[in-house]
């Protein structure tokens, strides 16, 4: 883990136990699993931000109008 930083996090006891059990059964460290989960969450955030940027120029539709349109088209 060259270049890694040490940090302290507080986990709920059930979460910590689940991580310990999964780490043991998959022969991975808790740190590896937490890093992988955080990377996945950050990648999802980055994808969302890209989508928001692409859609920035789209016309906004008020929620009420959208729901009325669904009802008019028989979707509700």
Foldseek 3Di string as FASTA:
>chain_A
DPPDDDDDDDDDPVVVVVLVVVCVVVVHHSVVVVVVVVVVVVVVVVVVVVVCVVCVPPDDDDPVVVVVVCVVVVVD
